[in-house]
C-alpha atoms as a PDB file:
ATOM      1  CA  MET A   1      -8.294  -3.257 -19.239  1.00  0.00           C
ATOM      2  CA  SER A   2      -6.746  -3.644 -16.609  1.00  0.00           C
ATOM      3  CA  ALA A   3      -4.265  -6.781 -16.410  1.00  0.00           C
ATOM      4  CA  SER A   4      -3.582  -8.549 -13.381  1.00  0.00           C
ATOM      5  CA  PRO A   5       0.530  -9.342 -11.962  1.00  0.00           C
ATOM      6  CA  VAL A   6       1.131 -12.609 -12.344  1.00  0.00           C
ATOM      7  CA  PRO A   7      -0.721 -15.385 -10.488  1.00  0.00           C
ATOM      8  CA  GLY A   8       2.083 -17.146  -9.597  1.00  0.00           C
ATOM      9  CA  PRO A   9       2.945 -20.827  -8.087  1.00  0.00           C
ATOM     10  CA  PRO A  10       0.741 -22.577  -5.965  1.00  0.00           C
ATOM     11  CA  HIS A  11       2.135 -21.809  -2.434  1.00  0.00           C
ATOM     12  CA  GLU A  12       4.629 -19.798  -3.237  1.00  0.00           C
ATOM     13  CA  ARG A  13       5.168 -17.414   0.128  1.00  0.00           C
ATOM     14  CA  LEU A  14       3.828 -13.909  -0.635  1.00  0.00           C
ATOM     15  CA  ILE A  15       5.483 -10.275   1.363  1.00  0.00           C
ATOM     16  CA  VAL A  16       3.012  -7.779   0.507  1.00  0.00           C
ATOM     17  CA  TYR A  17       3.974  -4.199   0.539  1.00  0.00           C
ATOM     18  CA  ILE A  18       1.297  -0.782   0.488  1.00  0.00           C
ATOM     19  CA  ASP A  19       2.486   2.482   0.200  1.00  0.00           C
ATOM     20  CA  GLY A  20      -0.388   3.944   2.032  1.00  0.00           C
ATOM     21  CA  PHE A  21      -0.138   7.074   0.996  1.00  0.00           C
ATOM     22  CA  ASN A  22       0.300   6.010  -3.186  1.00  0.00           C
ATOM     23  CA  PHE A  23      -2.714   4.175  -2.758  1.00  0.00           C
ATOM     24  CA  TYR A  24      -4.791   6.732  -0.997  1.00  0.00           C
ATOM     25  CA  HIS A  25      -4.115   9.838  -3.206  1.00  0.00           C
ATOM     26  CA  GLY A  26      -4.256   7.347  -6.187  1.00  0.00           C
ATOM     27  CA  MET A  27      -7.891   6.202  -4.766  1.00  0.00           C
ATOM     28  CA  HIS A  28      -9.334   9.065  -3.977  1.00  0.00           C
ATOM     29  CA  ASP A  29      -7.975  10.791  -7.264  1.00  0.00           C
ATOM     30  CA  LYS A  30     -10.264   7.909  -9.045  1.00  0.00           C
ATOM     31  CA  PHE A  31     -12.756   7.095  -7.389  1.00  0.00           C
ATOM     32  CA  GLY A  32     -13.624   9.152  -4.341  1.00  0.00           C
ATOM     33  CA  ARG A  33     -14.116   7.863  -1.467  1.00  0.00           C
ATOM     34  CA  SER A  34     -16.648   5.421  -2.291  1.00  0.00           C
ATOM     35  CA  THR A  35     -13.300   2.444  -2.375  1.00  0.00           C
ATOM     36  CA  LEU A  36     -11.753   3.600   0.530  1.00  0.00           C
ATOM     37  CA  TRP A  37     -13.115   0.981   2.981  1.00  0.00           C
ATOM     38  CA  ILE A  38     -10.479  -1.163   1.587  1.00  0.00           C
ATOM     39  CA  ASP A  39      -9.535  -4.892   2.098  1.00  0.00           C
ATOM     40  CA  PHE A  40      -5.927  -4.602   1.949  1.00  0.00           C
ATOM     41  CA  VAL A  41      -5.355  -8.105   2.287  1.00  0.00           C
ATOM     42  CA  ALA A  42      -7.966  -9.473   0.363  1.00  0.00           C
ATOM     43  CA  LEU A  43      -7.028  -7.461  -2.455  1.00  0.00           C
ATOM     44  CA  ALA A  44      -3.668  -8.975  -1.946  1.00  0.00           C
ATOM     45  CA  GLN A  45      -4.488 -12.200  -2.351  1.00  0.00           C
ATOM     46  CA  SER A  46      -6.564 -10.958  -5.203  1.00  0.00           C
ATOM     47  CA  LEU A  47      -3.746  -9.633  -6.931  1.00  0.00           C
ATOM     48  CA  ARG A  48      -1.634 -12.873  -6.486  1.00  0.00           C
ATOM     49  CA  PRO A  49      -4.624 -15.431  -5.736  1.00  0.00           C
ATOM     50  CA  ARG A  50      -2.433 -18.976  -5.745  1.00  0.00           C
ATOM     51  CA  SER A  51      -0.433 -17.227  -3.304  1.00  0.00           C
ATOM     52  CA  HIS A  52       0.551 -17.798   0.726  1.00  0.00           C
ATOM     53  CA  ILE A  53       0.020 -14.728   2.395  1.00  0.00           C
ATOM     54  CA  VAL A  54       2.748 -14.404   5.043  1.00  0.00           C
ATOM     55  CA  ALA A  55       2.395 -10.494   5.533  1.00  0.00           C
ATOM     56  CA  VAL A  56       0.492  -8.198   4.528  1.00  0.00           C
ATOM     57  CA  LYS A  57       3.073  -4.706   5.309  1.00  0.00           C
ATOM     58  CA  TYR A  58       0.682  -0.751   5.557  1.00  0.00           C
ATOM     59  CA  PHE A  59       2.944   1.845   5.437  1.00  0.00           C
ATOM     60  CA  THR A  60       1.864   5.196   6.054  1.00  0.00           C
ATOM     61  CA  ALA A  61       2.549   8.260   8.522  1.00  0.00           C
ATOM     62  CA  PRO A  62      -1.351   9.230  11.059  1.00  0.00           C
ATOM     63  CA  VAL A  63      -2.740  12.146   8.892  1.00  0.00           C
ATOM     64  CA  LEU A  64      -2.063  15.974  10.787  1.00  0.00           C
ATOM     65  CA  GLY A  65      -4.201  18.970  10.773  1.00  0.00           C
ATOM     66  CA  ASP A  66      -7.276  16.733  10.272  1.00  0.00           C
ATOM     67  CA  ALA A  67      -9.051  15.271  13.383  1.00  0.00           C
ATOM     68  CA  GLY A  68     -11.271  13.986  11.405  1.00  0.00           C
ATOM     69  CA  ALA A  69      -8.959  12.399   9.291  1.00  0.00           C
ATOM     70  CA  ALA A  70      -6.927  10.779  10.932  1.00  0.00           C
ATOM     71  CA  SER A  71      -9.338   9.177  12.922  1.00  0.00           C
ATOM     72  CA  ARG A  72     -11.086   7.273  10.603  1.00  0.00           C
ATOM     73  CA  GLN A  73      -7.625   6.574   9.471  1.00  0.00           C
ATOM     74  CA  ALA A  74      -7.005   4.902  12.904  1.00  0.00           C
ATOM     75  CA  TYR A  75      -9.838   3.173  12.454  1.00  0.00           C
ATOM     76  CA  HIS A  76      -9.506   1.586   9.178  1.00  0.00           C
ATOM     77  CA  GLN A  77      -6.438  -0.293  10.129  1.00  0.00           C
ATOM     78  CA  ALA A  78      -7.258  -0.906  13.533  1.00  0.00           C
ATOM     79  CA  ALA A  79     -10.328  -2.678  11.456  1.00  0.00           C
ATOM     80  CA  VAL A  80      -8.123  -4.358   8.454  1.00  0.00           C
ATOM     81  CA  ALA A  81      -5.945  -5.656  11.646  1.00  0.00           C
ATOM     82  CA  ALA A  82      -9.271  -7.498  13.830  1.00  0.00           C
ATOM     83  CA  ARG A  83      -9.964  -8.904  10.287  1.00  0.00           C
ATOM     84  CA  HIS A  84      -6.288 -10.419   9.444  1.00  0.00           C
ATOM     85  CA  THR A  85      -4.641 -11.028  12.935  1.00  0.00           C
ATOM     86  CA  ASN A  86      -0.647 -11.876  12.713  1.00  0.00           C
ATOM     87  CA  VAL A  87      -0.753 -10.831   9.340  1.00  0.00           C
ATOM     88  CA  PHE A  88      -1.772  -7.475   8.181  1.00  0.00           C
ATOM     89  CA  SER A  89       0.861  -5.109  10.094  1.00  0.00           C
ATOM     90  CA  VAL A  90       1.216  -1.394   9.931  1.00  0.00           C
ATOM     91  CA  THR A  91       4.431   0.654   9.646  1.00  0.00           C
ATOM     92  CA  GLN A  92       4.553   4.312  10.965  1.00  0.00           C
ATOM     93  CA  GLY A  93       6.111   7.109   9.320  1.00  0.00           C
ATOM     94  CA  ARG A  94       6.341  11.098  10.048  1.00  0.00           C
ATOM     95  CA  TYR A  95       5.756  14.328   8.824  1.00  0.00           C
ATOM     96  CA  GLN A  96       7.879  16.816   8.410  1.00  0.00           C
ATOM     97  CA  ALA A  97       8.156  20.783   8.223  1.00  0.00           C
ATOM     98  CA  LYS A  98       9.043  22.782   5.246  1.00  0.00           C
ATOM     99  CA  THR A  99       9.150  26.398   4.011  1.00  0.00           C
ATOM    100  CA  VAL A 100       7.749  27.151   0.284  1.00  0.00           C
ATOM    101  CA  THR A 101       7.865  30.328  -0.768  1.00  0.00           C
ATOM    102  CA  CYS A 102       5.551  31.810  -3.705  1.00  0.00           C
ATOM    103  CA  PHE A 103       7.465  31.841  -7.180  1.00  0.00           C
ATOM    104  CA  ASN A 104       5.132  35.508  -7.802  1.00  0.00           C
ATOM    105  CA  CYS A 105       4.413  37.434  -4.363  1.00  0.00           C
ATOM    106  CA  ARG A 106       7.287  35.563  -2.822  1.00  0.00           C
ATOM    107  CA  ALA A 107       4.941  34.872  -0.044  1.00  0.00           C
ATOM    108  CA  THR A 108       6.177  32.119   2.424  1.00  0.00           C
ATOM    109  CA  ARG A 109       4.048  29.365   4.324  1.00  0.00           C
ATOM    110  CA  THR A 110       4.819  26.407   6.022  1.00  0.00           C
ATOM    111  CA  VAL A 111       3.860  22.938   4.340  1.00  0.00           C
ATOM    112  CA  HIS A 112       4.299  19.059   5.839  1.00  0.00           C
ATOM    113  CA  GLU A 113       5.821  16.045   3.936  1.00  0.00           C
ATOM    114  CA  GLU A 114       4.423  12.529   4.245  1.00  0.00           C
ATOM    115  CA  LYS A 115       8.753  11.247   4.909  1.00  0.00           C
ATOM    116  CA  GLU A 116      10.076   7.677   6.108  1.00  0.00           C
ATOM    117  CA  THR A 117       7.629   5.507   3.870  1.00  0.00           C
ATOM    118  CA  ASP A 118       9.833   5.185   0.998  1.00  0.00           C
ATOM    119  CA  VAL A 119      12.582   4.104   3.531  1.00  0.00           C
ATOM    120  CA  ASN A 120      10.357   2.091   5.623  1.00  0.00           C
ATOM    121  CA  ILE A 121       9.234  -0.430   2.786  1.00  0.00           C
ATOM    122  CA  ALA A 122      13.661  -0.621   0.990  1.00  0.00           C
ATOM    123  CA  VAL A 123      14.404  -1.323   4.412  1.00  0.00           C
ATOM    124  CA  ALA A 124      11.714  -4.260   4.580  1.00  0.00           C
ATOM    125  CA  LEU A 125      11.921  -5.431   1.294  1.00  0.00           C
ATOM    126  CA  VAL A 126      15.550  -5.610   1.576  1.00  0.00           C
ATOM    127  CA  GLY A 127      15.322  -7.468   4.834  1.00  0.00           C
ATOM    128  CA  ASP A 128      12.820 -10.181   3.879  1.00  0.00           C
ATOM    129  CA  ALA A 129      14.563 -11.047   0.668  1.00  0.00           C
ATOM    130  CA  ALA A 130      18.306 -11.522   2.839  1.00  0.00           C
ATOM    131  CA  ALA A 131      16.337 -13.737   5.828  1.00  0.00           C
ATOM    132  CA  ASN A 132      14.636 -15.433   2.816  1.00  0.00           C
ATOM    133  CA  ALA A 133      11.214 -14.625   4.702  1.00  0.00           C
ATOM    134  CA  MET A 134       9.350 -15.240   0.834  1.00  0.00           C
ATOM    135  CA  ASP A 135       9.181 -16.275  -2.054  1.00  0.00           C
ATOM    136  CA  SER A 136       7.350 -14.008  -3.901  1.00  0.00           C
ATOM    137  CA  ALA A 137       6.981  -9.671  -2.456  1.00  0.00           C
ATOM    138  CA  LEU A 138       4.463  -7.891  -4.714  1.00  0.00           C
ATOM    139  CA  ILE A 139       4.236  -3.479  -4.250  1.00  0.00           C
ATOM    140  CA  ILE A 140       1.110  -1.959  -4.597  1.00  0.00           C
ATOM    141  CA  SER A 141       3.062   1.814  -4.547  1.00  0.00           C
ATOM    142  CA  ALA A 142       4.104   3.720  -7.754  1.00  0.00           C
ATOM    143  CA  ASP A 143       7.107   5.360  -6.488  1.00  0.00           C
ATOM    144  CA  SER A 144      10.177   5.069  -8.204  1.00  0.00           C
ATOM    145  CA  ASP A 145      12.049   5.207  -5.397  1.00  0.00           C
ATOM    146  CA  LEU A 146      11.702   1.831  -4.655  1.00  0.00           C
ATOM    147  CA  ALA A 147      13.661   1.011  -7.395  1.00  0.00           C
ATOM    148  CA  PRO A 148      16.801   0.571  -5.062  1.00  0.00           C
ATOM    149  CA  ALA A 149      15.593  -1.022  -3.455  1.00  0.00           C
ATOM    150  CA  VAL A 150      13.893  -3.732  -5.721  1.00  0.00           C
ATOM    151  CA  ARG A 151      17.319  -4.112  -7.549  1.00  0.00           C
ATOM    152  CA  ALA A 152      19.369  -4.879  -3.987  1.00  0.00           C
ATOM    153  CA  ALA A 153      16.461  -7.170  -3.117  1.00  0.00           C
ATOM    154  CA  LYS A 154      17.056  -9.182  -6.555  1.00  0.00           C
ATOM    155  CA  GLN A 155      20.591  -9.318  -5.660  1.00  0.00           C
ATOM    156  CA  PHE A 156      19.560 -11.445  -2.571  1.00  0.00           C
ATOM    157  CA  ARG A 157      16.795 -13.348  -4.348  1.00  0.00           C
ATOM    158  CA  PRO A 158      17.555 -13.506  -8.017  1.00  0.00           C
ATOM    159  CA  HIS A 159      15.040 -15.659  -9.317  1.00  0.00           C
ATOM    160  CA  MET A 160      12.394 -14.432  -6.694  1.00  0.00           C
ATOM    161  CA  PHE A 161       9.670 -12.407  -8.071  1.00  0.00           C
ATOM    162  CA  ILE A 162       9.308  -9.169  -7.321  1.00  0.00           C
ATOM    163  CA  GLY A 163       5.907  -7.185  -8.663  1.00  0.00           C
ATOM    164  CA  ALA A 164       4.087  -3.862  -8.549  1.00  0.00           C
ATOM    165  CA  ALA A 165       0.907  -3.101  -8.298  1.00  0.00           C
ATOM    166  CA  PHE A 166       0.057   0.521  -9.753  1.00  0.00           C
ATOM    167  CA  PRO A 167      -2.750   1.775  -7.283  1.00  0.00           C
ATOM    168  CA  PRO A 168      -5.416   4.300  -9.737  1.00  0.00           C
ATOM    169  CA  LYS A 169      -3.570   7.081 -11.373  1.00  0.00           C
ATOM    170  CA  ARG A 170      -0.398   6.572 -10.613  1.00  0.00           C
ATOM    171  CA  PHE A 171       2.189   4.689 -12.111  1.00  0.00           C
ATOM    172  CA  SER A 172       6.076   4.086 -12.847  1.00  0.00           C
ATOM    173  CA  SER A 173       7.634   3.417 -15.722  1.00  0.00           C
ATOM    174  CA  GLU A 174      10.765   3.395 -14.455  1.00  0.00           C
ATOM    175  CA  LEU A 175       9.843  -0.029 -12.032  1.00  0.00           C
ATOM    176  CA  LYS A 176       7.244  -1.183 -15.005  1.00  0.00           C
ATOM    177  CA  GLN A 177      10.553  -1.211 -16.610  1.00  0.00           C
ATOM    178  CA  LEU A 178      12.458  -2.939 -13.734  1.00  0.00           C
ATOM    179  CA  MET A 179       9.351  -5.355 -13.202  1.00  0.00           C
ATOM    180  CA  PRO A 180       7.968  -6.062 -16.000  1.00  0.00           C
ATOM    181  CA  ALA A 181       4.866  -7.636 -14.473  1.00  0.00           C
ATOM    182  CA  SER A 182       3.881  -5.368 -13.042  1.00  0.00           C
ATOM    183  CA  SER A 183       0.644  -3.538 -14.022  1.00  0.00           C
ATOM    184  CA  GLN A 184      -2.165  -1.188 -12.473  1.00  0.00           C
ATOM    185  CA  ILE A 185      -4.825  -2.168 -10.389  1.00  0.00           C
ATOM    186  CA  GLY A 186      -8.327  -1.978 -11.936  1.00  0.00           C
ATOM    187  CA  ARG A 187     -11.710  -0.899 -10.678  1.00  0.00           C
ATOM    188  CA  ASP A 188     -13.730  -4.382 -10.540  1.00  0.00           C
ATOM    189  CA  LYS A 189     -10.054  -5.838  -7.983  1.00  0.00           C
ATOM    190  CA  ILE A 190     -10.929  -3.097  -5.593  1.00  0.00           C
ATOM    191  CA  ARG A 191     -14.461  -3.040  -5.778  1.00  0.00           C
ATOM    192  CA  GLN A 192     -14.470  -7.435  -4.664  1.00  0.00           C
ATOM    193  CA  ALA A 193     -12.363  -6.852  -1.894  1.00  0.00           C
ATOM    194  CA  LEU A 194     -13.897  -3.215   0.679  1.00  0.00           C
ATOM    195  CA  LEU A 195     -14.613  -4.735   3.127  1.00  0.00           C
ATOM    196  CA  PRO A 196     -18.614  -5.312   4.579  1.00  0.00           C
ATOM    197  CA  GLU A 197     -20.850  -2.084   5.347  1.00  0.00           C
ATOM    198  CA  SER A 198     -20.251  -4.021   8.968  1.00  0.00           C
ATOM    199  CA  PHE A 199     -18.892  -6.524  10.676  1.00  0.00           C
ATOM    200  CA  THR A 200     -18.047  -7.505  14.456  1.00  0.00           C
ATOM    201  CA  VAL A 201     -14.353  -9.026  15.497  1.00  0.00           C
ATOM    202  CA  GLY A 202     -14.516 -10.528  19.182  1.00  0.00           C
ATOM    203  CA  ALA A 203     -16.719  -8.116  20.685  1.00  0.00           C
ATOM    204  CA  THR A 204     -15.917  -5.034  18.245  1.00  0.00           C
ATOM    205  CA  THR A 205     -17.892  -4.026  15.578  1.00  0.00           C
ATOM    206  CA  TYR A 206     -16.577  -1.923  12.978  1.00  0.00           C
ATOM    207  CA  THR A 207     -18.883  -0.449  10.690  1.00  0.00           C
ATOM    208  CA  ARG A 208     -17.603   1.678   7.337  1.00  0.00           C
ATOM    209  CA  PRO A 209     -17.265   5.803   8.875  1.00  0.00           C
ATOM    210  CA  PRO A 210     -20.053   8.264   6.633  1.00  0.00           C
ATOM    211  CA  LYS A 211     -18.274   9.961   4.978  1.00  0.00           C
ATOM    212  CA  TRP A 212     -16.726   6.775   3.282  1.00  0.00           C
ATOM    213  CA  ARG A 213     -20.249   6.433   1.361  1.00  0.00           C
END
C-alpha cells in the first residue's frame, strides 16, 4: 500500500512543484488515460491535508507533433487554473531537436527532448526557499536531477520540510534518501482528486475530453 507524505502541522504554508511530464507519463503508464483529468490542487491538498496551500506550480512544455494532444493539454491546464485562480500556475519549458543513430543499421532520425523543466523547478524551489515564501515544499516528481536544488533549498531553510510524492510507476532512490518522508502517490489519492466530469466557472464550462474517459 502506498503511504502519504507526512501531513504537516496545521496552517503551515505549502508550495507544491509538479513535474508535468514525469507525472503524466507515470499516470499514463499505470492507468492509461482514465485518470488524466485530475485536479492538481486537490491532489496536493490530499497529500498534505493540514497545510495551507500558497501555490501549486506546474512545470511542463507544449506537446509537439500532435495537435489533439496539445489541445487537451492546454485545455486541462486552463480548467485547473480556472478552478483555482491565484493558486495554480504553469511554467512552460521547451523541446530541443536531437539526432539519434540506430546502433544496428546506423540510420538517423530526429527526436525532440523536453528541456528546462528540471531547471525551472530548481530555480523556483531555491528562490522560494531563499525568499521565505513557504514553510514546507512538496515536489511531485521522481527526477533525481532535482536533488541539488533540494540540497540548496535546505541550506537556506535547514528546518523546512521538503518531501517528494512520486508519480505512479516512478521512483528515485536518491530523492528518497535525501527526503525520507517521500512516498508513492496511490491510486485512491488520484481517483479522489479527479475533476468533475463537467463544471462551470463564470461563463465557461469545462468538460473531460472524450479521449480521457
